[in-house]
Amino acid sequence: MTTWEYATTPLLIHTTQQILNNWGQDGWELVQVVTMPDGSLVAYLKRPRQN
């Protein structure tokens, strides 16, 4: 059975692609982007846990 690890990171509008590409190069998959009450964005990511 696959187990997962999760991470969150803030996203800046002008560098969103670069931020997500950096996480993707480390094996992270984007699960969801949430808009916070103040209008900022937070990305939720996951990748298989290395056992």
C-alpha atoms as a PDB file:
ATOM      1  CA  MET A   1       0.000   0.000   0.000  1.00  0.00           C
ATOM      2  CA  THR A   2       1.299   3.458  -0.887  1.00  0.00           C
ATOM      3  CA  THR A   3       1.722   5.859   1.989  1.00  0.00           C
ATOM      4  CA  TRP A   4       1.939   9.592   1.373  1.00  0.00           C
ATOM      5  CA  GLU A   5       3.624  12.619   2.809  1.00  0.00           C
ATOM      6  CA  TYR A   6       2.057  16.047   2.455  1.00  0.00           C
ATOM      7  CA  ALA A   7       3.273  19.638   2.304  1.00  0.00           C
ATOM      8  CA  THR A   8       1.789  23.097   2.007  1.00  0.00           C
ATOM      9  CA  THR A   9       3.404  26.166   0.499  1.00  0.00           C
ATOM     10  CA  PRO A  10       2.285  29.727  -0.157  1.00  0.00           C
ATOM     11  CA  LEU A  11       1.974  30.712  -3.820  1.00  0.00           C
ATOM     12  CA  LEU A  12       2.903  34.138  -5.109  1.00  0.00           C
ATOM     13  CA  ILE A  13       0.860  35.190  -8.136  1.00  0.00           C
ATOM     14  CA  HIS A  14       3.857  36.343 -10.192  1.00  0.00           C
ATOM     15  CA  THR A  15       5.937  33.162  -9.552  1.00  0.00           C
ATOM     16  CA  THR A  16       3.280  30.429  -9.263  1.00  0.00           C
ATOM     17  CA  GLN A  17       4.601  28.332 -12.154  1.00  0.00           C
ATOM     18  CA  GLN A  18       8.194  28.486 -10.943  1.00  0.00           C
ATOM     19  CA  ILE A  19       7.199  27.524  -7.391  1.00  0.00           C
ATOM     20  CA  LEU A  20       5.112  24.558  -8.563  1.00  0.00           C
ATOM     21  CA  ASN A  21       7.791  23.414 -11.032  1.00  0.00           C
ATOM     22  CA  ASN A  22      10.388  23.427  -8.230  1.00  0.00           C
ATOM     23  CA  TRP A  23       8.164  21.257  -6.037  1.00  0.00           C
ATOM     24  CA  GLY A  24       7.376  18.985  -9.008  1.00  0.00           C
ATOM     25  CA  GLN A  25      11.084  18.406  -9.664  1.00  0.00           C
ATOM     26  CA  ASP A  26      11.317  17.066  -6.111  1.00  0.00           C
ATOM     27  CA  GLY A  27       8.513  14.576  -6.793  1.00  0.00           C
ATOM     28  CA  TRP A  28       5.603  16.542  -5.309  1.00  0.00           C
ATOM     29  CA  GLU A  29       2.174  16.441  -6.984  1.00  0.00           C
ATOM     30  CA  LEU A  30      -0.250  19.347  -6.655  1.00  0.00           C
ATOM     31  CA  VAL A  31      -3.468  18.263  -4.941  1.00  0.00           C
ATOM     32  CA  GLN A  32      -5.281  21.552  -4.441  1.00  0.00           C
ATOM     33  CA  VAL A  33      -4.877  25.322  -4.339  1.00  0.00           C
ATOM     34  CA  VAL A  34      -6.886  27.142  -1.662  1.00  0.00           C
ATOM     35  CA  THR A  35      -7.626  30.854  -1.559  1.00  0.00           C
ATOM     36  CA  MET A  36      -7.283  32.092   2.005  1.00  0.00           C
ATOM     37  CA  PRO A  37      -9.607  34.744   3.508  1.00  0.00           C
ATOM     38  CA  ASP A  38      -6.953  37.421   2.913  1.00  0.00           C
ATOM     39  CA  GLY A  39      -6.772  36.504  -0.802  1.00  0.00           C
ATOM     40  CA  SER A  40      -3.428  34.693  -0.621  1.00  0.00           C
ATOM     41  CA  LEU A  41      -3.007  31.260  -2.214  1.00  0.00           C
ATOM     42  CA  VAL A  42      -1.796  28.074  -0.537  1.00  0.00           C
ATOM     43  CA  ALA A  43      -0.836  24.930  -2.472  1.00  0.00           C
ATOM     44  CA  TYR A  44      -1.361  21.463  -0.980  1.00  0.00           C
ATOM     45  CA  LEU A  45       1.008  18.820  -2.347  1.00  0.00           C
ATOM     46  CA  LYS A  46       1.678  15.114  -1.874  1.00  0.00           C
ATOM     47  CA  ARG A  47       4.266  12.502  -2.852  1.00  0.00           C
ATOM     48  CA  PRO A  48       4.810   8.841  -2.035  1.00  0.00           C
ATOM     49  CA  ARG A  49       6.630   8.388   1.255  1.00  0.00           C
ATOM     50  CA  GLN A  50      10.145   6.988   0.913  1.00  0.00           C
ATOM     51  CA  ASN A  51      10.220   4.020   3.336  1.00  0.00           C
END
